[in-house]
């Protein structure tokens, strides 16, 4: 894993970036490429990345749920979701 990537704050990451790094973390842990102490740190980073992905997915689901439909069932616009 690129050291600079692991230094980036998780809360600033997009879903795609967090997922890509999470996949890299899981790969390293599965292959046993790191010492025990580093594995613990990677596991903790992975947990943060997983939580970030869940937040971003929930935000996307809320946005999709706010799509309004016209009388024919076609998308007519969106209703803003507070806080997004």
PDB file of N, CA and C in Angstrom:
ATOM      1  N   UNK A   1       0.846  -1.181   0.000  1.00  0.00           N
ATOM      2  CA  UNK A   1       0.000   0.000   0.000  1.00  0.00           C
ATOM      3  C   UNK A   1       0.881   1.230   0.000  1.00  0.00           C
ATOM      4  N   UNK A   2       0.517   2.228  -0.763  1.00  0.00           N
ATOM      5  CA  UNK A   2       1.242   3.479  -0.814  1.00  0.00           C
ATOM      6  C   UNK A   2       1.119   4.176   0.530  1.00  0.00           C
ATOM      7  N   UNK A   3       2.247   4.521   1.138  1.00  0.00           N
ATOM      8  CA  UNK A   3       2.237   5.139   2.465  1.00  0.00           C
ATOM      9  C   UNK A   3       1.444   6.432   2.475  1.00  0.00           C
ATOM     10  N   UNK A   4       1.555   7.241   1.404  1.00  0.00           N
ATOM     11  CA  UNK A   4       0.824   8.498   1.349  1.00  0.00           C
ATOM     12  C   UNK A   4      -0.672   8.271   1.349  1.00  0.00           C
ATOM     13  N   UNK A   5      -1.099   7.226   0.702  1.00  0.00           N
ATOM     14  CA  UNK A   5      -2.519   6.911   0.657  1.00  0.00           C
ATOM     15  C   UNK A   5      -3.051   6.636   2.060  1.00  0.00           C
ATOM     16  N   UNK A   6      -2.310   5.896   2.856  1.00  0.00           N
ATOM     17  CA  UNK A   6      -2.728   5.554   4.198  1.00  0.00           C
ATOM     18  C   UNK A   6      -2.723   6.730   5.150  1.00  0.00           C
ATOM     19  N   UNK A   7      -2.068   7.821   4.751  1.00  0.00           N
ATOM     20  CA  UNK A   7      -2.023   9.011   5.590  1.00  0.00           C
ATOM     21  C   UNK A   7      -3.213   9.931   5.349  1.00  0.00           C
ATOM     22  N   UNK A   8      -3.941   9.725   4.282  1.00  0.00           N
ATOM     23  CA  UNK A   8      -5.065  10.599   3.941  1.00  0.00           C
ATOM     24  C   UNK A   8      -6.204  10.397   4.936  1.00  0.00           C
ATOM     25  N   UNK A   9      -6.775  11.497   5.454  1.00  0.00           N
ATOM     26  CA  UNK A   9      -7.886  11.354   6.401  1.00  0.00           C
ATOM     27  C   UNK A   9      -9.084  10.645   5.757  1.00  0.00           C
ATOM     28  N   UNK A  10      -9.576   9.621   6.415  1.00  0.00           N
ATOM     29  CA  UNK A  10     -10.672   8.811   5.876  1.00  0.00           C
ATOM     30  C   UNK A  10     -11.916   9.661   5.644  1.00  0.00           C
ATOM     31  N   UNK A  11     -12.188  10.602   6.549  1.00  0.00           N
ATOM     32  CA  UNK A  11     -13.410  11.402   6.438  1.00  0.00           C
ATOM     33  C   UNK A  11     -13.425  12.325   5.225  1.00  0.00           C
ATOM     34  N   UNK A  12     -12.292  12.480   4.545  1.00  0.00           N
ATOM     35  CA  UNK A  12     -12.217  13.303   3.335  1.00  0.00           C
ATOM     36  C   UNK A  12     -12.310  12.469   2.056  1.00  0.00           C
ATOM     37  N   UNK A  13     -12.356  11.158   2.199  1.00  0.00           N
ATOM     38  CA  UNK A  13     -12.294  10.276   1.030  1.00  0.00           C
ATOM     39  C   UNK A  13     -13.652  10.086   0.375  1.00  0.00           C
ATOM     40  N   UNK A  14     -13.617   9.948  -0.945  1.00  0.00           N
ATOM     41  CA  UNK A  14     -14.821   9.572  -1.674  1.00  0.00           C
ATOM     42  C   UNK A  14     -15.075   8.088  -1.438  1.00  0.00           C
ATOM     43  N   UNK A  15     -16.248   7.634  -1.819  1.00  0.00           N
ATOM     44  CA  UNK A  15     -16.566   6.206  -1.695  1.00  0.00           C
ATOM     45  C   UNK A  15     -15.553   5.375  -2.468  1.00  0.00           C
ATOM     46  N   UNK A  16     -15.266   5.792  -3.701  1.00  0.00           N
ATOM     47  CA  UNK A  16     -14.367   5.027  -4.564  1.00  0.00           C
ATOM     48  C   UNK A  16     -12.961   4.937  -3.985  1.00  0.00           C
ATOM     49  N   UNK A  17     -12.470   6.054  -3.458  1.00  0.00           N
ATOM     50  CA  UNK A  17     -11.124   6.043  -2.871  1.00  0.00           C
ATOM     51  C   UNK A  17     -11.072   5.161  -1.626  1.00  0.00           C
ATOM     52  N   UNK A  18     -12.085   5.290  -0.778  1.00  0.00           N
ATOM     53  CA  UNK A  18     -12.131   4.484   0.447  1.00  0.00           C
ATOM     54  C   UNK A  18     -12.234   2.999   0.110  1.00  0.00           C
ATOM     55  N   UNK A  19     -13.041   2.659  -0.876  1.00  0.00           N
ATOM     56  CA  UNK A  19     -13.207   1.253  -1.264  1.00  0.00           C
ATOM     57  C   UNK A  19     -11.911   0.692  -1.843  1.00  0.00           C
ATOM     58  N   UNK A  20     -11.237   1.473  -2.670  1.00  0.00           N
ATOM     59  CA  UNK A  20      -9.972   1.016  -3.261  1.00  0.00           C
ATOM     60  C   UNK A  20      -8.929   0.766  -2.180  1.00  0.00           C
ATOM     61  N   UNK A  21      -8.828   1.680  -1.229  1.00  0.00           N
ATOM     62  CA  UNK A  21      -7.849   1.480  -0.166  1.00  0.00           C
ATOM     63  C   UNK A  21      -8.244   0.311   0.725  1.00  0.00           C
ATOM     64  N   UNK A  22      -9.536   0.168   0.995  1.00  0.00           N
ATOM     65  CA  UNK A  22     -10.006  -0.958   1.808  1.00  0.00           C
ATOM     66  C   UNK A  22      -9.663  -2.286   1.136  1.00  0.00           C
ATOM     67  N   UNK A  23      -9.831  -2.372  -0.170  1.00  0.00           N
ATOM     68  CA  UNK A  23      -9.470  -3.590  -0.893  1.00  0.00           C
ATOM     69  C   UNK A  23      -7.973  -3.875  -0.771  1.00  0.00           C
ATOM     70  N   UNK A  24      -7.153  -2.820  -0.833  1.00  0.00           N
ATOM     71  CA  UNK A  24      -5.704  -2.997  -0.690  1.00  0.00           C
ATOM     72  C   UNK A  24      -5.357  -3.482   0.716  1.00  0.00           C
ATOM     73  N   UNK A  25      -6.018  -2.914   1.720  1.00  0.00           N
ATOM     74  CA  UNK A  25      -5.781  -3.318   3.114  1.00  0.00           C
ATOM     75  C   UNK A  25      -6.147  -4.779   3.310  1.00  0.00           C
ATOM     76  N   UNK A  26      -7.313  -5.160   2.820  1.00  0.00           N
ATOM     77  CA  UNK A  26      -7.764  -6.550   2.956  1.00  0.00           C
ATOM     78  C   UNK A  26      -6.776  -7.486   2.258  1.00  0.00           C
ATOM     79  N   UNK A  27      -6.321  -7.106   1.081  1.00  0.00           N
ATOM     80  CA  UNK A  27      -5.359  -7.926   0.354  1.00  0.00           C
ATOM     81  C   UNK A  27      -4.078  -8.134   1.140  1.00  0.00           C
ATOM     82  N   UNK A  28      -3.569  -7.073   1.725  1.00  0.00           N
ATOM     83  CA  UNK A  28      -2.346  -7.190   2.522  1.00  0.00           C
ATOM     84  C   UNK A  28      -2.560  -8.091   3.733  1.00  0.00           C
ATOM     85  N   UNK A  29      -3.677  -7.913   4.393  1.00  0.00           N
ATOM     86  CA  UNK A  29      -3.956  -8.740   5.575  1.00  0.00           C
ATOM     87  C   UNK A  29      -4.122 -10.209   5.192  1.00  0.00           C
ATOM     88  N   UNK A  30      -4.797 -10.467   4.077  1.00  0.00           N
ATOM     89  CA  UNK A  30      -4.997 -11.850   3.640  1.00  0.00           C
ATOM     90  C   UNK A  30      -3.683 -12.525   3.251  1.00  0.00           C
ATOM     91  N   UNK A  31      -2.791 -11.753   2.650  1.00  0.00           N
ATOM     92  CA  UNK A  31      -1.512 -12.324   2.221  1.00  0.00           C
ATOM     93  C   UNK A  31      -0.502 -12.406   3.353  1.00  0.00           C
ATOM     94  N   UNK A  32      -0.802 -11.773   4.482  1.00  0.00           N
ATOM     95  CA  UNK A  32       0.117 -11.800   5.608  1.00  0.00           C
ATOM     96  C   UNK A  32       1.418 -11.084   5.324  1.00  0.00           C
ATOM     97  N   UNK A  33       1.349  -9.997   4.566  1.00  0.00           N
ATOM     98  CA  UNK A  33       2.546  -9.268   4.138  1.00  0.00           C
ATOM     99  C   UNK A  33       3.138  -8.379   5.220  1.00  0.00           C
ATOM    100  N   UNK A  34       2.465  -8.229   6.342  1.00  0.00           N
ATOM    101  CA  UNK A  34       2.914  -7.267   7.341  1.00  0.00           C
ATOM    102  C   UNK A  34       3.049  -7.922   8.710  1.00  0.00           C
ATOM    103  N   UNK A  35       3.875  -7.322   9.552  1.00  0.00           N
ATOM    104  CA  UNK A  35       4.073  -7.814  10.912  1.00  0.00           C
ATOM    105  C   UNK A  35       2.802  -7.603  11.736  1.00  0.00           C
ATOM    106  N   UNK A  36       2.757  -8.239  12.890  1.00  0.00           N
ATOM    107  CA  UNK A  36       1.572  -8.198  13.738  1.00  0.00           C
ATOM    108  C   UNK A  36       1.162  -6.774  14.099  1.00  0.00           C
ATOM    109  N   UNK A  37       2.087  -5.955  14.563  1.00  0.00           N
ATOM    110  CA  UNK A  37       1.755  -4.580  14.938  1.00  0.00           C
ATOM    111  C   UNK A  37       1.179  -3.807  13.752  1.00  0.00           C
ATOM    112  N   UNK A  38       1.801  -3.964  12.599  1.00  0.00           N
ATOM    113  CA  UNK A  38       1.315  -3.294  11.401  1.00  0.00           C
ATOM    114  C   UNK A  38      -0.040  -3.857  10.986  1.00  0.00           C
ATOM    115  N   UNK A  39      -0.253  -5.145  11.202  1.00  0.00           N
ATOM    116  CA  UNK A  39      -1.548  -5.755  10.875  1.00  0.00           C
ATOM    117  C   UNK A  39      -2.655  -5.141  11.713  1.00  0.00           C
ATOM    118  N   UNK A  40      -2.364  -4.887  12.972  1.00  0.00           N
ATOM    119  CA  UNK A  40      -3.367  -4.272  13.854  1.00  0.00           C
ATOM    120  C   UNK A  40      -3.709  -2.871  13.351  1.00  0.00           C
ATOM    121  N   UNK A  41      -2.690  -2.103  12.978  1.00  0.00           N
ATOM    122  CA  UNK A  41      -2.922  -0.757  12.451  1.00  0.00           C
ATOM    123  C   UNK A  41      -3.703  -0.815  11.138  1.00  0.00           C
ATOM    124  N   UNK A  42      -3.367  -1.767  10.281  1.00  0.00           N
ATOM    125  CA  UNK A  42      -4.095  -1.931   9.020  1.00  0.00           C
ATOM    126  C   UNK A  42      -5.546  -2.311   9.271  1.00  0.00           C
ATOM    127  N   UNK A  43      -5.765  -3.197  10.234  1.00  0.00           N
ATOM    128  CA  UNK A  43      -7.131  -3.608  10.564  1.00  0.00           C
ATOM    129  C   UNK A  43      -7.950  -2.401  11.035  1.00  0.00           C
ATOM    130  N   UNK A  44      -7.343  -1.565  11.882  1.00  0.00           N
ATOM    131  CA  UNK A  44      -8.040  -0.376  12.374  1.00  0.00           C
ATOM    132  C   UNK A  44      -8.345   0.587  11.230  1.00  0.00           C
ATOM    133  N   UNK A  45      -7.391   0.775  10.326  1.00  0.00           N
ATOM    134  CA  UNK A  45      -7.612   1.637   9.159  1.00  0.00           C
ATOM    135  C   UNK A  45      -8.728   1.052   8.297  1.00  0.00           C
ATOM    136  N   UNK A  46      -8.710  -0.261   8.126  1.00  0.00           N
ATOM    137  CA  UNK A  46      -9.763  -0.918   7.351  1.00  0.00           C
ATOM    138  C   UNK A  46     -11.136  -0.707   7.958  1.00  0.00           C
ATOM    139  N   UNK A  47     -11.228  -0.746   9.275  1.00  0.00           N
ATOM    140  CA  UNK A  47     -12.509  -0.518   9.948  1.00  0.00           C
ATOM    141  C   UNK A  47     -12.997   0.909   9.691  1.00  0.00           C
ATOM    142  N   UNK A  48     -12.072   1.871   9.703  1.00  0.00           N
ATOM    143  CA  UNK A  48     -12.444   3.256   9.412  1.00  0.00           C
ATOM    144  C   UNK A  48     -12.902   3.402   7.956  1.00  0.00           C
ATOM    145  N   UNK A  49     -12.195   2.744   7.059  1.00  0.00           N
ATOM    146  CA  UNK A  49     -12.557   2.805   5.639  1.00  0.00           C
ATOM    147  C   UNK A  49     -13.929   2.169   5.395  1.00  0.00           C
ATOM    148  N   UNK A  50     -14.177   1.051   6.045  1.00  0.00           N
ATOM    149  CA  UNK A  50     -15.476   0.380   5.918  1.00  0.00           C
ATOM    150  C   UNK A  50     -16.597   1.295   6.397  1.00  0.00           C
ATOM    151  N   UNK A  51     -16.384   1.948   7.522  1.00  0.00           N
ATOM    152  CA  UNK A  51     -17.390   2.868   8.055  1.00  0.00           C
ATOM    153  C   UNK A  51     -17.633   4.024   7.084  1.00  0.00           C
ATOM    154  N   UNK A  52     -16.561   4.544   6.466  1.00  0.00           N
ATOM    155  CA  UNK A  52     -16.692   5.629   5.498  1.00  0.00           C
ATOM    156  C   UNK A  52     -17.506   5.186   4.294  1.00  0.00           C
ATOM    157  N   UNK A  53     -17.243   3.994   3.803  1.00  0.00           N
ATOM    158  CA  UNK A  53     -18.004   3.462   2.671  1.00  0.00           C
ATOM    159  C   UNK A  53     -19.481   3.341   3.028  1.00  0.00           C
ATOM    160  N   UNK A  54     -19.761   2.879   4.225  1.00  0.00           N
ATOM    161  CA  UNK A  54     -21.156   2.739   4.658  1.00  0.00           C
ATOM    162  C   UNK A  54     -21.856   4.094   4.717  1.00  0.00           C
ATOM    163  N   UNK A  55     -21.164   5.127   5.210  1.00  0.00           N
ATOM    164  CA  UNK A  55     -21.735   6.472   5.273  1.00  0.00           C
ATOM    165  C   UNK A  55     -22.033   6.977   3.861  1.00  0.00           C
ATOM    166  N   UNK A  56     -21.066   6.835   2.966  1.00  0.00           N
ATOM    167  CA  UNK A  56     -21.257   7.321   1.600  1.00  0.00           C
ATOM    168  C   UNK A  56     -22.372   6.569   0.881  1.00  0.00           C
ATOM    169  N   UNK A  57     -22.491   5.259   1.117  1.00  0.00           N
ATOM    170  CA  UNK A  57     -23.587   4.498   0.515  1.00  0.00           C
ATOM    171  C   UNK A  57     -24.939   4.950   1.065  1.00  0.00           C
ATOM    172  N   UNK A  58     -25.000   5.194   2.372  1.00  0.00           N
ATOM    173  CA  UNK A  58     -26.250   5.656   2.993  1.00  0.00           C
ATOM    174  C   UNK A  58     -26.649   7.017   2.417  1.00  0.00           C
ATOM    175  N   UNK A  59     -25.676   7.910   2.230  1.00  0.00           N
ATOM    176  CA  UNK A  59     -25.955   9.211   1.628  1.00  0.00           C
ATOM    177  C   UNK A  59     -26.516   9.050   0.216  1.00  0.00           C
ATOM    178  N   UNK A  60     -25.928   8.165  -0.563  1.00  0.00           N
ATOM    179  CA  UNK A  60     -26.397   7.926  -1.934  1.00  0.00           C
ATOM    180  C   UNK A  60     -27.806   7.344  -1.929  1.00  0.00           C
ATOM    181  N   UNK A  61     -28.075   6.417  -1.022  1.00  0.00           N
ATOM    182  CA  UNK A  61     -29.411   5.825  -0.929  1.00  0.00           C
ATOM    183  C   UNK A  61     -30.449   6.885  -0.579  1.00  0.00           C
ATOM    184  N   UNK A  62     -30.084   7.805   0.316  1.00  0.00           N
ATOM    185  CA  UNK A  62     -31.008   8.870   0.691  1.00  0.00           C
ATOM    186  C   UNK A  62     -31.291   9.789  -0.481  1.00  0.00           C
ATOM    187  N   UNK A  63     -30.268  10.072  -1.276  1.00  0.00           N
ATOM    188  CA  UNK A  63     -30.466  10.920  -2.455  1.00  0.00           C
ATOM    189  C   UNK A  63     -31.385  10.225  -3.463  1.00  0.00           C
ATOM    190  N   UNK A  64     -31.159   8.945  -3.696  1.00  0.00           N
ATOM    191  CA  UNK A  64     -31.997   8.190  -4.632  1.00  0.00           C
ATOM    192  C   UNK A  64     -33.435   8.152  -4.131  1.00  0.00           C
ATOM    193  N   UNK A  65     -33.604   7.989  -2.822  1.00  0.00           N
ATOM    194  CA  UNK A  65     -34.945   7.930  -2.246  1.00  0.00           C
ATOM    195  C   UNK A  65     -35.682   9.249  -2.419  1.00  0.00           C
ATOM    196  N   UNK A  66     -34.955  10.331  -2.606  1.00  0.00           N
ATOM    197  CA  UNK A  66     -35.579  11.646  -2.734  1.00  0.00           C
ATOM    198  C   UNK A  66     -35.932  12.009  -4.174  1.00  0.00           C
ATOM    199  N   UNK A  67     -35.648  11.136  -5.132  1.00  0.00           N
ATOM    200  CA  UNK A  67     -36.010  11.413  -6.513  1.00  0.00           C
ATOM    201  C   UNK A  67     -37.526  11.390  -6.618  1.00  0.00           C
ATOM    202  N   UNK A  68     -38.081  12.464  -7.162  1.00  0.00           N
ATOM    203  CA  UNK A  68     -39.534  12.548  -7.291  1.00  0.00           C
ATOM    204  C   UNK A  68     -39.960  12.051  -8.672  1.00  0.00           C
ATOM    205  N   UNK A  69     -41.135  11.482  -8.720  1.00  0.00           N
ATOM    206  CA  UNK A  69     -41.677  10.948  -9.964  1.00  0.00           C
ATOM    207  C   UNK A  69     -42.903  11.744 -10.375  1.00  0.00           C
ATOM    208  N   UNK A  70     -43.122  11.846 -11.703  1.00  0.00           N
ATOM    209  CA  UNK A  70     -44.327  12.513 -12.182  1.00  0.00           C
ATOM    210  C   UNK A  70     -45.481  11.520 -12.218  1.00  0.00           C
ATOM    211  N   UNK A  71     -46.619  11.934 -12.717  1.00  0.00           N
ATOM    212  CA  UNK A  71     -47.820  11.099 -12.739  1.00  0.00           C
ATOM    213  C   UNK A  71     -47.620   9.821 -13.542  1.00  0.00           C
ATOM    214  N   UNK A  72     -46.696   9.827 -14.496  1.00  0.00           N
ATOM    215  CA  UNK A  72     -46.432   8.649 -15.318  1.00  0.00           C
ATOM    216  C   UNK A  72     -45.333   7.764 -14.745  1.00  0.00           C
ATOM    217  N   UNK A  73     -44.781   8.152 -13.596  1.00  0.00           N
ATOM    218  CA  UNK A  73     -43.730   7.364 -12.971  1.00  0.00           C
ATOM    219  C   UNK A  73     -42.337   7.677 -13.471  1.00  0.00           C
ATOM    220  N   UNK A  74     -42.208   8.715 -14.274  1.00  0.00           N
ATOM    221  CA  UNK A  74     -40.900   9.121 -14.786  1.00  0.00           C
ATOM    222  C   UNK A  74     -40.250  10.095 -13.804  1.00  0.00           C
ATOM    223  N   UNK A  75     -38.938  10.044 -13.681  1.00  0.00           N
ATOM    224  CA  UNK A  75     -38.267  10.992 -12.776  1.00  0.00           C
ATOM    225  C   UNK A  75     -38.584  12.433 -13.163  1.00  0.00           C
ATOM    226  N   UNK A  76     -38.999  13.223 -12.186  1.00  0.00           N
ATOM    227  CA  UNK A  76     -39.376  14.611 -12.446  1.00  0.00           C
ATOM    228  C   UNK A  76     -38.441  15.593 -11.758  1.00  0.00           C
ATOM    229  N   UNK A  77     -37.593  15.123 -10.914  1.00  0.00           N
ATOM    230  CA  UNK A  77     -36.678  15.996 -10.188  1.00  0.00           C
ATOM    231  C   UNK A  77     -36.261  15.341  -8.895  1.00  0.00           C
ATOM    232  N   UNK A  78     -35.725  16.150  -8.022  1.00  0.00           N
ATOM    233  CA  UNK A  78     -35.290  15.639  -6.731  1.00  0.00           C
ATOM    234  C   UNK A  78     -35.795  16.557  -5.632  1.00  0.00           C
ATOM    235  N   UNK A  79     -35.933  15.985  -4.470  1.00  0.00           N
ATOM    236  CA  UNK A  79     -36.259  16.743  -3.281  1.00  0.00           C
ATOM    237  C   UNK A  79     -34.993  16.780  -2.452  1.00  0.00           C
ATOM    238  N   UNK A  80     -34.507  17.986  -2.096  1.00  0.00           N
ATOM    239  CA  UNK A  80     -33.265  18.047  -1.314  1.00  0.00           C
ATOM    240  C   UNK A  80     -33.365  17.292   0.001  1.00  0.00           C
ATOM    241  N   UNK A  81     -32.294  16.650   0.367  1.00  0.00           N
ATOM    242  CA  UNK A  81     -32.200  15.949   1.649  1.00  0.00           C
ATOM    243  C   UNK A  81     -31.388  16.836   2.568  1.00  0.00           C
ATOM    244  N   UNK A  82     -31.919  17.157   3.724  1.00  0.00           N
ATOM    245  CA  UNK A  82     -31.197  18.020   4.661  1.00  0.00           C
ATOM    246  C   UNK A  82     -29.853  17.411   5.033  1.00  0.00           C
ATOM    247  N   UNK A  83     -28.858  18.273   5.122  1.00  0.00           N
ATOM    248  CA  UNK A  83     -27.539  17.835   5.580  1.00  0.00           C
ATOM    249  C   UNK A  83     -26.671  17.223   4.506  1.00  0.00           C
ATOM    250  N   UNK A  84     -27.148  17.130   3.275  1.00  0.00           N
ATOM    251  CA  UNK A  84     -26.329  16.541   2.211  1.00  0.00           C
ATOM    252  C   UNK A  84     -25.916  17.583   1.230  1.00  0.00           C
TER     253      UNK A  84
END
